[in-house]
Amino acid sequence: MNPQELVKLQTYLRKVFGAKTLSVRARPKIKDSAEVYVGDEFVGTVTRDEDDGELCYQFQMAILDIDLED
């Protein structure tokens, strides 16, 4: 993903999740996805998917059972 895409995705995800500390960071060796952090905590990935001229982004977040404990 190029830097402009990362900024657009970060702006969008900050708005959707109401998280000002959310950041979208490029991955060094994988060019079609980026990592998503809230503060310093890794929360998921965004993958760029282009098929038949249509572009979309998929956000994937794993939630561990220990994350759900109080």
Protein backbone atom coordinates (compact mmCIF):
# COMPACT_ATOMS: atom_id res chain seq x y z
CA MET A 1 0.00 0.00 0.00
CA ASN A 2 1.22 3.49 -0.72
CA PRO A 3 1.49 6.22 1.93
CA GLN A 4 -1.67 7.99 0.71
CA GLU A 5 -3.72 4.80 1.18
CA LEU A 6 -2.35 4.37 4.70
CA VAL A 7 -3.37 7.92 5.63
CA LYS A 8 -6.87 7.49 4.17
CA LEU A 9 -7.37 4.18 5.97
CA GLN A 10 -6.08 5.60 9.24
CA THR A 11 -8.41 8.60 9.00
CA TYR A 12 -11.37 6.37 8.22
CA LEU A 13 -10.68 3.84 10.99
CA ARG A 14 -10.10 6.60 13.57
CA LYS A 15 -13.49 8.04 12.67
CA VAL A 16 -15.32 4.69 12.71
CA PHE A 17 -13.81 3.48 15.99
CA GLY A 18 -13.45 6.86 17.69
CA ALA A 19 -9.83 6.07 18.50
CA LYS A 20 -7.46 9.01 18.10
CA THR A 21 -4.44 6.84 18.91
CA LEU A 22 -5.21 4.33 16.13
CA SER A 23 -2.46 4.09 13.54
CA VAL A 24 -2.10 2.21 10.27
CA ARG A 25 1.48 1.16 9.60
CA ALA A 26 3.10 -0.27 6.49
CA ARG A 27 4.47 -3.78 6.66
CA PRO A 28 8.12 -4.01 5.57
CA LYS A 29 7.91 -7.12 3.38
CA ILE A 30 4.21 -7.39 2.53
CA LYS A 31 2.99 -4.66 0.20
CA ASP A 32 -0.74 -5.49 -0.01
CA SER A 33 -1.53 -5.13 3.69
CA ALA A 34 -0.86 -2.94 6.71
CA GLU A 35 -0.89 -3.34 10.47
CA VAL A 36 -3.37 -1.55 12.72
CA TYR A 37 -2.41 -0.39 16.21
CA VAL A 38 -4.23 1.39 19.02
CA GLY A 39 -1.49 3.12 20.89
CA ASP A 40 1.33 0.58 20.96
CA GLU A 41 -0.98 -2.45 20.88
CA PHE A 42 -1.32 -4.40 17.63
CA VAL A 43 -5.03 -5.02 16.97
CA GLY A 44 -5.24 -6.32 13.40
CA THR A 45 -4.43 -6.03 9.73
CA VAL A 46 -5.94 -4.32 6.71
CA THR A 47 -5.58 -6.08 3.37
CA ARG A 48 -5.94 -4.42 -0.02
CA ASP A 49 -8.06 -6.45 -2.42
CA GLU A 50 -8.38 -5.48 -6.08
CA ASP A 51 -10.49 -7.72 -8.30
CA ASP A 52 -11.97 -6.95 -11.73
CA GLY A 53 -11.08 -3.28 -11.34
CA GLU A 54 -12.87 -2.95 -7.99
CA LEU A 55 -10.83 -2.00 -4.95
CA CYS A 56 -11.74 -2.79 -1.36
CA TYR A 57 -9.98 -3.15 1.97
CA GLN A 58 -10.60 -5.90 4.50
CA PHE A 59 -9.94 -5.33 8.19
CA GLN A 60 -9.24 -8.44 10.27
CA MET A 61 -9.02 -8.42 14.05
CA ALA A 62 -8.54 -11.45 16.27
CA ILE A 63 -10.01 -11.30 19.78
CA LEU A 64 -8.49 -13.73 22.26
CA ASP A 65 -10.56 -15.14 25.08
CA ILE A 66 -8.13 -13.63 27.60
CA ASP A 67 -8.87 -10.20 26.12
CA LEU A 68 -12.50 -10.63 27.19
CA GLU A 69 -11.71 -11.26 30.86
CA ASP A 70 -12.21 -8.40 33.31
